[in-house]
C-alpha atoms as a PDB file:
ATOM      1  CA  MET A   1      25.095   4.533   1.226  1.00  0.00           C
ATOM      2  CA  LYS A   2      22.026   5.415  -0.816  1.00  0.00           C
ATOM      3  CA  LYS A   3      20.145   8.646  -0.119  1.00  0.00           C
ATOM      4  CA  TYR A   4      16.747   6.941  -0.005  1.00  0.00           C
ATOM      5  CA  SER A   5      15.718   3.639   1.499  1.00  0.00           C
ATOM      6  CA  VAL A   6      12.776   3.248  -0.885  1.00  0.00           C
ATOM      7  CA  TYR A   7      11.406   5.040  -3.945  1.00  0.00           C
ATOM      8  CA  GLY A   8       7.665   4.474  -4.104  1.00  0.00           C
ATOM      9  CA  ILE A   9       5.027   5.111  -6.761  1.00  0.00           C
ATOM     10  CA  GLY A  10       1.325   5.070  -5.947  1.00  0.00           C
ATOM     11  CA  ASN A  11      -2.056   6.712  -5.848  1.00  0.00           C
ATOM     12  CA  ALA A  12      -2.426   9.780  -3.639  1.00  0.00           C
ATOM     13  CA  LEU A  13      -5.813   9.513  -1.945  1.00  0.00           C
ATOM     14  CA  VAL A  14      -7.534  11.241   0.945  1.00  0.00           C
ATOM     15  CA  ASP A  15      -9.315   8.595   3.031  1.00  0.00           C
ATOM     16  CA  ALA A  16     -12.707   9.207   4.612  1.00  0.00           C
ATOM     17  CA  GLU A  17     -13.404   6.374   7.081  1.00  0.00           C
ATOM     18  CA  PHE A  18     -16.823   5.240   8.265  1.00  0.00           C
ATOM     19  CA  GLU A  19     -18.061   2.470  10.536  1.00  0.00           C
ATOM     20  CA  VAL A  20     -20.792   0.576   8.694  1.00  0.00           C
ATOM     21  CA  THR A  21     -22.894  -2.555   9.068  1.00  0.00           C
ATOM     22  CA  ASP A  22     -22.929  -5.514   6.706  1.00  0.00           C
ATOM     23  CA  GLU A  23     -26.557  -4.618   6.000  1.00  0.00           C
ATOM     24  CA  PHE A  24     -25.488  -1.191   4.755  1.00  0.00           C
ATOM     25  CA  LEU A  25     -23.029  -2.753   2.294  1.00  0.00           C
ATOM     26  CA  LYS A  26     -25.688  -5.161   1.051  1.00  0.00           C
ATOM     27  CA  HIS A  27     -28.245  -2.372   0.705  1.00  0.00           C
ATOM     28  CA  GLU A  28     -25.792  -0.317  -1.367  1.00  0.00           C
ATOM     29  CA  ASN A  29     -24.784  -3.399  -3.410  1.00  0.00           C
ATOM     30  CA  ILE A  30     -21.121  -2.981  -2.456  1.00  0.00           C
ATOM     31  CA  GLN A  31     -18.890  -6.052  -2.506  1.00  0.00           C
ATOM     32  CA  LYS A  32     -17.383  -6.409   0.938  1.00  0.00           C
ATOM     33  CA  GLY A  33     -13.630  -6.536   1.418  1.00  0.00           C
ATOM     34  CA  LEU A  34     -12.631  -5.234  -2.000  1.00  0.00           C
ATOM     35  CA  MET A  35     -11.606  -1.942  -3.552  1.00  0.00           C
ATOM     36  CA  THR A  36     -13.981  -0.723  -6.252  1.00  0.00           C
ATOM     37  CA  LEU A  37     -13.250   2.168  -8.601  1.00  0.00           C
ATOM     38  CA  VAL A  38     -16.090   4.651  -9.135  1.00  0.00           C
ATOM     39  CA  ASP A  39     -16.493   8.090 -10.688  1.00  0.00           C
ATOM     40  CA  GLY A  40     -16.605  11.250  -8.642  1.00  0.00           C
ATOM     41  CA  GLU A  41     -20.370  11.703  -8.842  1.00  0.00           C
ATOM     42  CA  ALA A  42     -21.141   8.165  -7.670  1.00  0.00           C
ATOM     43  CA  GLN A  43     -18.676   8.539  -4.818  1.00  0.00           C
ATOM     44  CA  LYS A  44     -20.219  11.863  -3.761  1.00  0.00           C
ATOM     45  CA  VAL A  45     -23.705  10.276  -3.631  1.00  0.00           C
ATOM     46  CA  LEU A  46     -22.457   7.486  -1.379  1.00  0.00           C
ATOM     47  CA  TYR A  47     -20.426   9.918   0.730  1.00  0.00           C
ATOM     48  CA  ASP A  48     -23.564  11.916   1.467  1.00  0.00           C
ATOM     49  CA  ARG A  49     -25.425   8.744   2.461  1.00  0.00           C
ATOM     50  CA  LEU A  50     -22.571   7.677   4.719  1.00  0.00           C
ATOM     51  CA  ILE A  51     -22.447  11.079   6.402  1.00  0.00           C
ATOM     52  CA  ALA A  52     -26.185  10.975   7.041  1.00  0.00           C
ATOM     53  CA  LYS A  53     -26.279   7.326   8.131  1.00  0.00           C
ATOM     54  CA  CYS A  54     -22.977   6.797   9.940  1.00  0.00           C
ATOM     55  CA  GLY A  55     -21.118  10.060  10.434  1.00  0.00           C
ATOM     56  CA  LEU A  56     -17.471  10.550   9.484  1.00  0.00           C
ATOM     57  CA  LYS A  57     -15.131   8.621  11.784  1.00  0.00           C
ATOM     58  CA  LYS A  58     -11.790   9.886  10.474  1.00  0.00           C
ATOM     59  CA  ARG A  59     -10.208  11.754   7.581  1.00  0.00           C
ATOM     60  CA  ALA A  60      -6.605  10.953   6.788  1.00  0.00           C
ATOM     61  CA  GLY A  61      -3.999  10.956   4.079  1.00  0.00           C
ATOM     62  CA  GLY A  62      -4.010   7.586   2.360  1.00  0.00           C
ATOM     63  CA  GLY A  63      -3.043   5.585  -0.660  1.00  0.00           C
ATOM     64  CA  SER A  64      -1.439   2.187  -0.189  1.00  0.00           C
ATOM     65  CA  ALA A  65       2.157   2.994  -1.139  1.00  0.00           C
ATOM     66  CA  ALA A  66       1.933   6.363   0.628  1.00  0.00           C
ATOM     67  CA  ASN A  67       1.004   4.597   3.862  1.00  0.00           C
ATOM     68  CA  SER A  68       4.040   2.350   3.431  1.00  0.00           C
ATOM     69  CA  MET A  69       6.317   5.315   2.738  1.00  0.00           C
ATOM     70  CA  TYR A  70       4.953   7.018   5.873  1.00  0.00           C
ATOM     71  CA  ALA A  71       5.784   3.916   7.942  1.00  0.00           C
ATOM     72  CA  ILE A  72       9.312   3.754   6.500  1.00  0.00           C
ATOM     73  CA  SER A  73       9.891   7.407   7.343  1.00  0.00           C
ATOM     74  CA  GLN A  74       8.578   7.035  10.890  1.00  0.00           C
ATOM     75  CA  PHE A  75      10.759   4.030  11.635  1.00  0.00           C
ATOM     76  CA  GLY A  76      13.795   6.067  10.615  1.00  0.00           C
ATOM     77  CA  GLY A  77      14.219   5.298   6.928  1.00  0.00           C
ATOM     78  CA  SER A  78      14.030   7.804   4.096  1.00  0.00           C
ATOM     79  CA  ALA A  79      11.645   7.702   1.167  1.00  0.00           C
ATOM     80  CA  PHE A  80      10.886   9.417  -2.111  1.00  0.00           C
ATOM     81  CA  TYR A  81       7.280   9.195  -3.227  1.00  0.00           C
ATOM     82  CA  THR A  82       5.944   9.885  -6.713  1.00  0.00           C
ATOM     83  CA  CYS A  83       2.232  10.667  -6.766  1.00  0.00           C
ATOM     84  CA  LYS A  84      -0.233  13.239  -8.109  1.00  0.00           C
ATOM     85  CA  VAL A  85      -2.627  15.567  -6.268  1.00  0.00           C
ATOM     86  CA  ALA A  86      -4.538  18.619  -7.459  1.00  0.00           C
ATOM     87  CA  SER A  87      -4.373  22.238  -6.358  1.00  0.00           C
ATOM     88  CA  ASP A  88      -7.497  21.870  -4.221  1.00  0.00           C
ATOM     89  CA  GLU A  89      -8.226  21.643  -0.486  1.00  0.00           C
ATOM     90  CA  PRO A  90      -7.957  17.823  -0.371  1.00  0.00           C
ATOM     91  CA  GLY A  91      -4.596  18.136  -2.147  1.00  0.00           C
ATOM     92  CA  ASP A  92      -3.379  20.620   0.462  1.00  0.00           C
ATOM     93  CA  PHE A  93      -4.609  18.272   3.201  1.00  0.00           C
ATOM     94  CA  TYR A  94      -2.833  15.312   1.591  1.00  0.00           C
ATOM     95  CA  VAL A  95       0.505  17.128   1.429  1.00  0.00           C
ATOM     96  CA  GLN A  96       0.092  18.253   5.039  1.00  0.00           C
ATOM     97  CA  GLN A  97      -0.564  14.655   6.078  1.00  0.00           C
ATOM     98  CA  LEU A  98       2.743  13.552   4.566  1.00  0.00           C
ATOM     99  CA  GLY A  99       4.392  16.283   6.603  1.00  0.00           C
ATOM    100  CA  ASP A 100       8.058  16.367   7.507  1.00  0.00           C
ATOM    101  CA  HIS A 101       8.591  12.629   7.799  1.00  0.00           C
ATOM    102  CA  ASN A 102      11.711  12.012   5.715  1.00  0.00           C
ATOM    103  CA  ILE A 103       9.443  11.742   2.664  1.00  0.00           C
ATOM    104  CA  LYS A 104      10.449  13.705  -0.405  1.00  0.00           C
ATOM    105  CA  THR A 105       8.004  13.936  -3.298  1.00  0.00           C
ATOM    106  CA  ASN A 106       7.647  15.104  -6.876  1.00  0.00           C
ATOM    107  CA  LEU A 107       4.899  17.497  -5.742  1.00  0.00           C
ATOM    108  CA  SER A 108       5.495  21.201  -6.191  1.00  0.00           C
ATOM    109  CA  GLN A 109       3.758  24.390  -5.197  1.00  0.00           C
ATOM    110  CA  GLN A 110       2.259  24.591  -8.723  1.00  0.00           C
ATOM    111  CA  ARG A 111      -0.005  21.563  -8.726  1.00  0.00           C
ATOM    112  CA  ASP A 112      -2.419  20.943 -11.609  1.00  0.00           C
ATOM    113  CA  TYR A 113      -6.074  21.889 -11.484  1.00  0.00           C
ATOM    114  CA  GLY A 114      -8.545  19.050 -10.983  1.00  0.00           C
ATOM    115  CA  ASP A 115      -9.783  16.812  -8.191  1.00  0.00           C
ATOM    116  CA  THR A 116      -7.495  15.067  -5.723  1.00  0.00           C
ATOM    117  CA  GLY A 117      -8.315  11.375  -5.424  1.00  0.00           C
ATOM    118  CA  LYS A 118     -10.490  10.233  -2.545  1.00  0.00           C
ATOM    119  CA  CYS A 119     -11.272   6.867  -0.988  1.00  0.00           C
ATOM    120  CA  LEU A 120     -14.338   5.984   1.065  1.00  0.00           C
ATOM    121  CA  VAL A 121     -13.196   3.375   3.576  1.00  0.00           C
ATOM    122  CA  MET A 122     -16.080   1.464   5.149  1.00  0.00           C
ATOM    123  CA  VAL A 123     -15.143  -0.591   8.197  1.00  0.00           C
ATOM    124  CA  SER A 124     -17.609  -3.318   9.162  1.00  0.00           C
ATOM    125  CA  PRO A 125     -18.012  -4.816  12.675  1.00  0.00           C
ATOM    126  CA  ASP A 126     -15.528  -7.627  11.911  1.00  0.00           C
ATOM    127  CA  ALA A 127     -12.875  -4.923  11.185  1.00  0.00           C
ATOM    128  CA  GLU A 128     -12.872  -5.709   7.449  1.00  0.00           C
ATOM    129  CA  ARG A 129     -12.364  -2.676   5.217  1.00  0.00           C
ATOM    130  CA  THR A 130     -14.277  -2.100   1.993  1.00  0.00           C
ATOM    131  CA  MET A 131     -13.216   0.750  -0.265  1.00  0.00           C
ATOM    132  CA  LEU A 132     -14.830   2.864  -2.986  1.00  0.00           C
ATOM    133  CA  THR A 133     -12.195   4.929  -4.739  1.00  0.00           C
ATOM    134  CA  PHE A 134     -12.375   7.912  -7.065  1.00  0.00           C
ATOM    135  CA  LEU A 135      -8.862   8.320  -8.425  1.00  0.00           C
ATOM    136  CA  GLY A 136      -9.336  11.871  -9.632  1.00  0.00           C
ATOM    137  CA  ILE A 137      -6.103  13.432 -10.857  1.00  0.00           C
ATOM    138  CA  SER A 138      -4.148  10.466  -9.496  1.00  0.00           C
ATOM    139  CA  ALA A 139      -5.323   8.500 -12.543  1.00  0.00           C
ATOM    140  CA  ASP A 140      -3.163  10.822 -14.667  1.00  0.00           C
ATOM    141  CA  ILE A 141       0.130   9.952 -12.988  1.00  0.00           C
ATOM    142  CA  SER A 142       2.633   9.158 -15.732  1.00  0.00           C
ATOM    143  CA  SER A 143       6.275   8.633 -16.543  1.00  0.00           C
ATOM    144  CA  LYS A 144       6.840  12.401 -16.679  1.00  0.00           C
ATOM    145  CA  ASP A 145       6.197  12.474 -12.918  1.00  0.00           C
ATOM    146  CA  LEU A 146       9.152  10.164 -12.240  1.00  0.00           C
ATOM    147  CA  ASN A 147      12.314  11.541 -10.665  1.00  0.00           C
ATOM    148  CA  LEU A 148      15.014   9.266 -12.031  1.00  0.00           C
ATOM    149  CA  ASP A 149      17.765  10.934 -10.009  1.00  0.00           C
ATOM    150  CA  ALA A 150      15.892  10.041  -6.825  1.00  0.00           C
ATOM    151  CA  LEU A 151      15.234   6.526  -8.104  1.00  0.00           C
ATOM    152  CA  HIS A 152      18.919   5.998  -8.841  1.00  0.00           C
ATOM    153  CA  ALA A 153      19.680   7.146  -5.278  1.00  0.00           C
ATOM    154  CA  SER A 154      17.380   4.517  -3.723  1.00  0.00           C
ATOM    155  CA  GLN A 155      17.948   1.004  -2.428  1.00  0.00           C
ATOM    156  CA  TYR A 156      14.510  -0.265  -3.487  1.00  0.00           C
ATOM    157  CA  LEU A 157      11.794   0.665  -5.954  1.00  0.00           C
ATOM    158  CA  TYR A 158       8.309  -0.101  -4.594  1.00  0.00           C
ATOM    159  CA  LEU A 159       5.371  -0.340  -7.012  1.00  0.00           C
ATOM    160  CA  GLU A 160       1.744  -0.190  -5.877  1.00  0.00           C
ATOM    161  CA  GLY A 161      -0.364  -2.758  -7.728  1.00  0.00           C
ATOM    162  CA  TYR A 162      -3.368  -0.429  -7.733  1.00  0.00           C
ATOM    163  CA  LEU A 163      -1.638   1.532 -10.513  1.00  0.00           C
ATOM    164  CA  ALA A 164      -2.424  -1.336 -12.884  1.00  0.00           C
ATOM    165  CA  ALA A 165      -5.871   0.286 -13.210  1.00  0.00           C
ATOM    166  CA  SER A 166      -4.347   3.440 -14.763  1.00  0.00           C
ATOM    167  CA  PRO A 167      -2.792   3.012 -18.243  1.00  0.00           C
ATOM    168  CA  SER A 168      -0.400   5.933 -17.727  1.00  0.00           C
ATOM    169  CA  GLY A 169       0.304   4.888 -14.145  1.00  0.00           C
ATOM    170  CA  LYS A 170       1.068   1.357 -15.268  1.00  0.00           C
ATOM    171  CA  ASP A 171       3.434   2.676 -17.924  1.00  0.00           C
ATOM    172  CA  ALA A 172       5.186   4.817 -15.294  1.00  0.00           C
ATOM    173  CA  CYS A 173       5.718   1.704 -13.172  1.00  0.00           C
ATOM    174  CA  VAL A 174       7.083  -0.226 -16.148  1.00  0.00           C
ATOM    175  CA  ASP A 175       9.496   2.594 -17.001  1.00  0.00           C
ATOM    176  CA  ALA A 176      10.576   2.888 -13.369  1.00  0.00           C
ATOM    177  CA  ARG A 177      11.151  -0.864 -13.099  1.00  0.00           C
ATOM    178  CA  LYS A 178      13.272  -0.864 -16.246  1.00  0.00           C
ATOM    179  CA  ALA A 179      15.322   2.067 -14.943  1.00  0.00           C
ATOM    180  CA  ALA A 180      15.794   0.317 -11.611  1.00  0.00           C
ATOM    181  CA  GLU A 181      16.882  -2.923 -13.258  1.00  0.00           C
ATOM    182  CA  ALA A 182      19.359  -1.053 -15.474  1.00  0.00           C
ATOM    183  CA  ASN A 183      20.922   0.572 -12.416  1.00  0.00           C
ATOM    184  CA  GLY A 184      21.057  -2.386 -10.031  1.00  0.00           C
ATOM    185  CA  ILE A 185      18.212  -1.173  -7.816  1.00  0.00           C
ATOM    186  CA  ALA A 186      16.071  -3.872  -6.202  1.00  0.00           C
ATOM    187  CA  THR A 187      12.415  -3.961  -7.274  1.00  0.00           C
ATOM    188  CA  ALA A 188       9.364  -4.702  -5.137  1.00  0.00           C
ATOM    189  CA  LEU A 189       5.662  -4.840  -5.971  1.00  0.00           C
ATOM    190  CA  SER A 190       2.453  -5.331  -4.015  1.00  0.00           C
ATOM    191  CA  LEU A 191      -0.484  -7.098  -5.655  1.00  0.00           C
ATOM    192  CA  SER A 192      -2.592  -4.672  -3.568  1.00  0.00           C
ATOM    193  CA  ASP A 193      -6.078  -6.168  -3.908  1.00  0.00           C
ATOM    194  CA  ALA A 194      -7.848  -9.236  -5.280  1.00  0.00           C
ATOM    195  CA  ALA A 195      -9.871  -6.924  -7.532  1.00  0.00           C
ATOM    196  CA  MET A 196      -6.649  -5.781  -9.200  1.00  0.00           C
ATOM    197  CA  VAL A 197      -5.684  -9.386  -9.819  1.00  0.00           C
ATOM    198  CA  GLN A 198      -9.128 -10.138 -11.231  1.00  0.00           C
ATOM    199  CA  PHE A 199      -9.671  -7.083 -13.409  1.00  0.00           C
ATOM    200  CA  CYS A 200      -6.191  -5.676 -14.107  1.00  0.00           C
ATOM    201  CA  ARG A 201      -4.010  -8.749 -14.381  1.00  0.00           C
ATOM    202  CA  GLY A 202      -2.516  -7.683 -17.701  1.00  0.00           C
ATOM    203  CA  GLY A 203      -1.346  -4.406 -16.201  1.00  0.00           C
ATOM    204  CA  LEU A 204       0.186  -6.212 -13.239  1.00  0.00           C
ATOM    205  CA  GLU A 205       1.985  -8.603 -15.588  1.00  0.00           C
ATOM    206  CA  ASP A 206       3.435  -5.624 -17.455  1.00  0.00           C
ATOM    207  CA  MET A 207       4.575  -4.082 -14.171  1.00  0.00           C
ATOM    208  CA  ILE A 208       6.227  -7.349 -13.105  1.00  0.00           C
ATOM    209  CA  GLY A 209       7.925  -7.927 -16.464  1.00  0.00           C
ATOM    210  CA  ASP A 210      10.386 -10.812 -16.276  1.00  0.00           C
ATOM    211  CA  GLY A 211      10.148 -10.761 -12.478  1.00  0.00           C
ATOM    212  CA  VAL A 212      10.731  -8.575  -9.437  1.00  0.00           C
ATOM    213  CA  ASP A 213      13.080  -8.978  -6.506  1.00  0.00           C
ATOM    214  CA  LEU A 214      10.315  -8.924  -3.891  1.00  0.00           C
ATOM    215  CA  ILE A 215       6.555  -9.360  -4.039  1.00  0.00           C
ATOM    216  CA  PHE A 216       3.977  -8.618  -1.352  1.00  0.00           C
ATOM    217  CA  ALA A 217       0.602 -10.374  -1.335  1.00  0.00           C
ATOM    218  CA  ASN A 218      -2.020 -11.522   1.113  1.00  0.00           C
ATOM    219  CA  GLU A 219      -3.509 -14.996   1.030  1.00  0.00           C
ATOM    220  CA  ILE A 220      -6.538 -14.038  -1.081  1.00  0.00           C
ATOM    221  CA  GLU A 221      -4.446 -12.133  -3.623  1.00  0.00           C
ATOM    222  CA  ALA A 222      -1.880 -14.927  -3.865  1.00  0.00           C
ATOM    223  CA  LYS A 223      -4.504 -17.595  -4.489  1.00  0.00           C
ATOM    224  CA  ALA A 224      -6.282 -15.376  -7.017  1.00  0.00           C
ATOM    225  CA  TRP A 225      -3.019 -14.737  -8.882  1.00  0.00           C
ATOM    226  CA  THR A 226      -1.821 -18.340  -8.915  1.00  0.00           C
ATOM    227  CA  GLY A 227      -5.150 -20.152  -9.194  1.00  0.00           C
ATOM    228  CA  LYS A 228      -4.005 -22.489  -6.426  1.00  0.00           C
ATOM    229  CA  ASP A 229      -6.036 -23.498  -3.376  1.00  0.00           C
ATOM    230  CA  SER A 230      -3.220 -23.940  -0.876  1.00  0.00           C
ATOM    231  CA  ILE A 231      -0.592 -21.602   0.547  1.00  0.00           C
ATOM    232  CA  PRO A 232       2.383 -23.890  -0.317  1.00  0.00           C
ATOM    233  CA  GLU A 233       1.230 -24.176  -3.927  1.00  0.00           C
ATOM    234  CA  SER A 234       0.686 -20.429  -4.140  1.00  0.00           C
ATOM    235  CA  MET A 235       4.172 -19.776  -2.756  1.00  0.00           C
ATOM    236  CA  ASN A 236       5.715 -22.069  -5.346  1.00  0.00           C
ATOM    237  CA  GLU A 237       3.906 -20.259  -8.150  1.00  0.00           C
ATOM    238  CA  LEU A 238       4.899 -16.823  -6.847  1.00  0.00           C
ATOM    239  CA  LYS A 239       8.534 -17.920  -6.932  1.00  0.00           C
ATOM    240  CA  LYS A 240       8.213 -17.878 -10.732  1.00  0.00           C
ATOM    241  CA  ILE A 241       7.758 -14.085 -10.725  1.00  0.00           C
ATOM    242  CA  ALA A 242       9.724 -12.985  -7.642  1.00  0.00           C
ATOM    243  CA  LYS A 243      13.096 -13.802  -6.120  1.00  0.00           C
ATOM    244  CA  THR A 244      11.749 -13.241  -2.605  1.00  0.00           C
ATOM    245  CA  ILE A 245       8.195 -13.227  -1.210  1.00  0.00           C
ATOM    246  CA  VAL A 246       6.167 -11.787   1.641  1.00  0.00           C
ATOM    247  CA  LEU A 247       2.814 -13.570   1.961  1.00  0.00           C
ATOM    248  CA  THR A 248       0.680 -12.162   4.778  1.00  0.00           C
ATOM    249  CA  LEU A 249      -1.880 -14.443   6.402  1.00  0.00           C
ATOM    250  CA  GLY A 250      -3.831 -12.131   8.707  1.00  0.00           C
ATOM    251  CA  SER A 251      -4.231 -13.567  12.188  1.00  0.00           C
ATOM    252  CA  LYS A 252      -2.107 -16.568  11.115  1.00  0.00           C
ATOM    253  CA  GLY A 253       0.988 -14.400  10.688  1.00  0.00           C
ATOM    254  CA  ALA A 254       3.001 -14.492   7.482  1.00  0.00           C
ATOM    255  CA  LEU A 255       5.094 -16.773   5.317  1.00  0.00           C
ATOM    256  CA  LEU A 256       8.307 -15.417   3.806  1.00  0.00           C
ATOM    257  CA  PHE A 257      10.717 -16.715   1.195  1.00  0.00           C
ATOM    258  CA  ASP A 258      14.161 -15.137   1.475  1.00  0.00           C
ATOM    259  CA  GLY A 259      15.526 -16.620  -1.738  1.00  0.00           C
ATOM    260  CA  ASN A 260      16.736 -19.815  -0.068  1.00  0.00           C
ATOM    261  CA  LYS A 261      14.133 -20.958   2.427  1.00  0.00           C
ATOM    262  CA  ASN A 262      10.633 -20.336   3.686  1.00  0.00           C
ATOM    263  CA  ILE A 263      10.299 -18.550   7.026  1.00  0.00           C
ATOM    264  CA  SER A 264       7.132 -18.641   9.136  1.00  0.00           C
ATOM    265  CA  ILE A 265       6.294 -15.472  11.056  1.00  0.00           C
ATOM    266  CA  ASP A 266       3.942 -15.604  14.029  1.00  0.00           C
ATOM    267  CA  SER A 267       1.166 -13.089  14.490  1.00  0.00           C
ATOM    268  CA  PHE A 268       0.824 -10.947  17.602  1.00  0.00           C
ATOM    269  CA  PRO A 269      -2.381 -10.842  19.681  1.00  0.00           C
ATOM    270  CA  ALA A 270      -4.562  -7.917  18.689  1.00  0.00           C
ATOM    271  CA  LYS A 271      -8.126  -6.760  19.070  1.00  0.00           C
ATOM    272  CA  ALA A 272      -8.836  -5.760  15.502  1.00  0.00           C
ATOM    273  CA  ILE A 273     -11.067  -2.748  15.010  1.00  0.00           C
ATOM    274  CA  ASP A 274      -9.894  -1.616  11.557  1.00  0.00           C
ATOM    275  CA  THR A 275      -7.808  -3.573   9.052  1.00  0.00           C
ATOM    276  CA  ASN A 276      -7.380  -0.582   6.746  1.00  0.00           C
ATOM    277  CA  GLY A 277      -3.657   0.015   6.264  1.00  0.00           C
ATOM    278  CA  ALA A 278      -2.467  -3.205   7.917  1.00  0.00           C
ATOM    279  CA  GLY A 279      -0.943  -4.580   4.721  1.00  0.00           C
ATOM    280  CA  ASP A 280       0.582  -1.189   3.944  1.00  0.00           C
ATOM    281  CA  MET A 281       2.175  -1.097   7.384  1.00  0.00           C
ATOM    282  CA  PHE A 282       3.481  -4.633   6.955  1.00  0.00           C
ATOM    283  CA  ALA A 283       5.129  -3.675   3.665  1.00  0.00           C
ATOM    284  CA  GLY A 284       6.507  -0.412   5.050  1.00  0.00           C
ATOM    285  CA  ALA A 285       7.943  -1.967   8.196  1.00  0.00           C
ATOM    286  CA  PHE A 286       9.412  -4.864   6.232  1.00  0.00           C
ATOM    287  CA  LEU A 287      11.035  -2.593   3.644  1.00  0.00           C
ATOM    288  CA  TYR A 288      12.414  -0.369   6.384  1.00  0.00           C
ATOM    289  CA  ALA A 289      14.009  -3.337   8.118  1.00  0.00           C
ATOM    290  CA  ILE A 290      15.644  -4.958   5.097  1.00  0.00           C
ATOM    291  CA  THR A 291      16.988  -1.612   3.834  1.00  0.00           C
ATOM    292  CA  ALA A 292      18.391  -1.088   7.333  1.00  0.00           C
ATOM    293  CA  GLY A 293      20.328  -4.333   7.009  1.00  0.00           C
ATOM    294  CA  LYS A 294      18.046  -6.687   8.955  1.00  0.00           C
ATOM    295  CA  ASP A 295      17.409 -10.269   7.850  1.00  0.00           C
ATOM    296  CA  PHE A 296      14.030 -11.518   6.647  1.00  0.00           C
ATOM    297  CA  ALA A 297      13.113 -13.126   9.967  1.00  0.00           C
ATOM    298  CA  THR A 298      13.703  -9.902  11.887  1.00  0.00           C
ATOM    299  CA  ALA A 299      11.970  -7.827   9.227  1.00  0.00           C
ATOM    300  CA  GLY A 300       8.979 -10.171   9.289  1.00  0.00           C
ATOM    301  CA  LYS A 301       8.716 -10.023  13.072  1.00  0.00           C
ATOM    302  CA  LEU A 302       8.843  -6.213  13.056  1.00  0.00           C
ATOM    303  CA  ALA A 303       6.255  -6.026  10.283  1.00  0.00           C
ATOM    304  CA  SER A 304       3.929  -8.508  11.985  1.00  0.00           C
ATOM    305  CA  TYR A 305       3.984  -6.607  15.263  1.00  0.00           C
ATOM    306  CA  ALA A 306       3.550  -3.254  13.516  1.00  0.00           C
ATOM    307  CA  ALA A 307       0.552  -4.599  11.584  1.00  0.00           C
ATOM    308  CA  SER A 308      -1.013  -5.884  14.816  1.00  0.00           C
ATOM    309  CA  ARG A 309      -0.716  -2.398  16.279  1.00  0.00           C
ATOM    310  CA  THR A 310      -2.268  -0.905  13.145  1.00  0.00           C
ATOM    311  CA  VAL A 311      -5.399  -3.094  13.200  1.00  0.00           C
ATOM    312  CA  SER A 312      -5.920  -2.123  16.849  1.00  0.00           C
ATOM    313  CA  HIS A 313      -6.067   1.539  15.814  1.00  0.00           C
ATOM    314  CA  PHE A 314      -8.670   3.333  13.701  1.00  0.00           C
ATOM    315  CA  GLY A 315      -7.100   4.688  10.535  1.00  0.00           C
ATOM    316  CA  PRO A 316      -4.318   3.557   8.161  1.00  0.00           C
ATOM    317  CA  ARG A 317      -1.381   5.231   9.930  1.00  0.00           C
ATOM    318  CA  LEU A 318      -0.095   5.061  13.487  1.00  0.00           C
ATOM    319  CA  PRO A 319       0.962   8.154  15.466  1.00  0.00           C
ATOM    320  CA  PRO A 320       4.694   8.955  15.134  1.00  0.00           C
ATOM    321  CA  ALA A 321       5.572   7.871  18.689  1.00  0.00           C
ATOM    322  CA  ALA A 322       4.106   4.396  18.154  1.00  0.00           C
ATOM    323  CA  HIS A 323       6.811   3.537  15.637  1.00  0.00           C
ATOM    324  CA  HIS A 324       9.578   4.091  18.186  1.00  0.00           C
ATOM    325  CA  GLU A 325       7.718   1.895  20.682  1.00  0.00           C
ATOM    326  CA  ILE A 326       7.479  -0.862  18.058  1.00  0.00           C
ATOM    327  CA  LEU A 327      11.192  -0.654  17.289  1.00  0.00           C
ATOM    328  CA  GLN A 328      12.057  -0.806  20.981  1.00  0.00           C
ATOM    329  CA  LYS A 329      10.014  -3.962  21.444  1.00  0.00           C
ATOM    330  CA  ILE A 330      11.323  -5.847  18.425  1.00  0.00           C
ATOM    331  CA  ILE A 331      14.761  -4.531  17.441  1.00  0.00           C
ATOM    332  CA  MET A 332      16.337  -2.159  19.981  1.00  0.00           C
END
């Protein structure tokens, strides 16, 4: 029995969420539905405009892999998370948001000086999320931040595709993947965002290496990666880089490949108000289930229902009690 269900590596970001109009995004020349990297000054200018125009809806701990680790911990799994935050107020807030949730980290009391990463999450009326991210000190995450003892004590290694934008972060993921492969630990990676596929493909290819055990992607990311127009063609191409696949399809559910066959997963009815964190929840719930011994069909059903609950809630993470309710409905 391994000590940790999943060892994750990702950006540590404090999310500031705002409800915006499509007109606001057009006026600010922001491409809807994508994550865009900006510097701290540019982000601060937009933050001030958002505060004046829209008002802050919610502040929360974020980062894609961190959201997944949080979900794993709340469902009852255990996680180790490698990330980087500064010794500033947002860094203190970020650590507090992780809380006592069966998540161990590489973070210590003596954090480096600098700026903790922040993400402006703009949610439009159709529930689509658009993000402007300043990585701050998170861009400096490197192989020296890895805890190989914790990695060796984990069932899965989970790599956040967003780290392809950081040369040192990408190298950390490559080193972690190689260590996992050498020690018989399953590897998983999320493509994270179509912008990563478009602008950081080389970094993602390095992270994937000769292939991973499990890949997570949504329909847009999968088609961008494979250059194919259909879901079946995209699935076939993804099989060249992953032994198993989770392809999320939004309101159409998900399509899984368990290594032998494709499995269709139905969606659950939901009134979407915020899609931020839905993919992270799907990955977290799925990883929790398979590390708890569930099959792909059960894991997919749990993840689909958990994601439907997430989009019905403002913010990337559900309250702790909601995870038990989800388990009771699907598994218990």
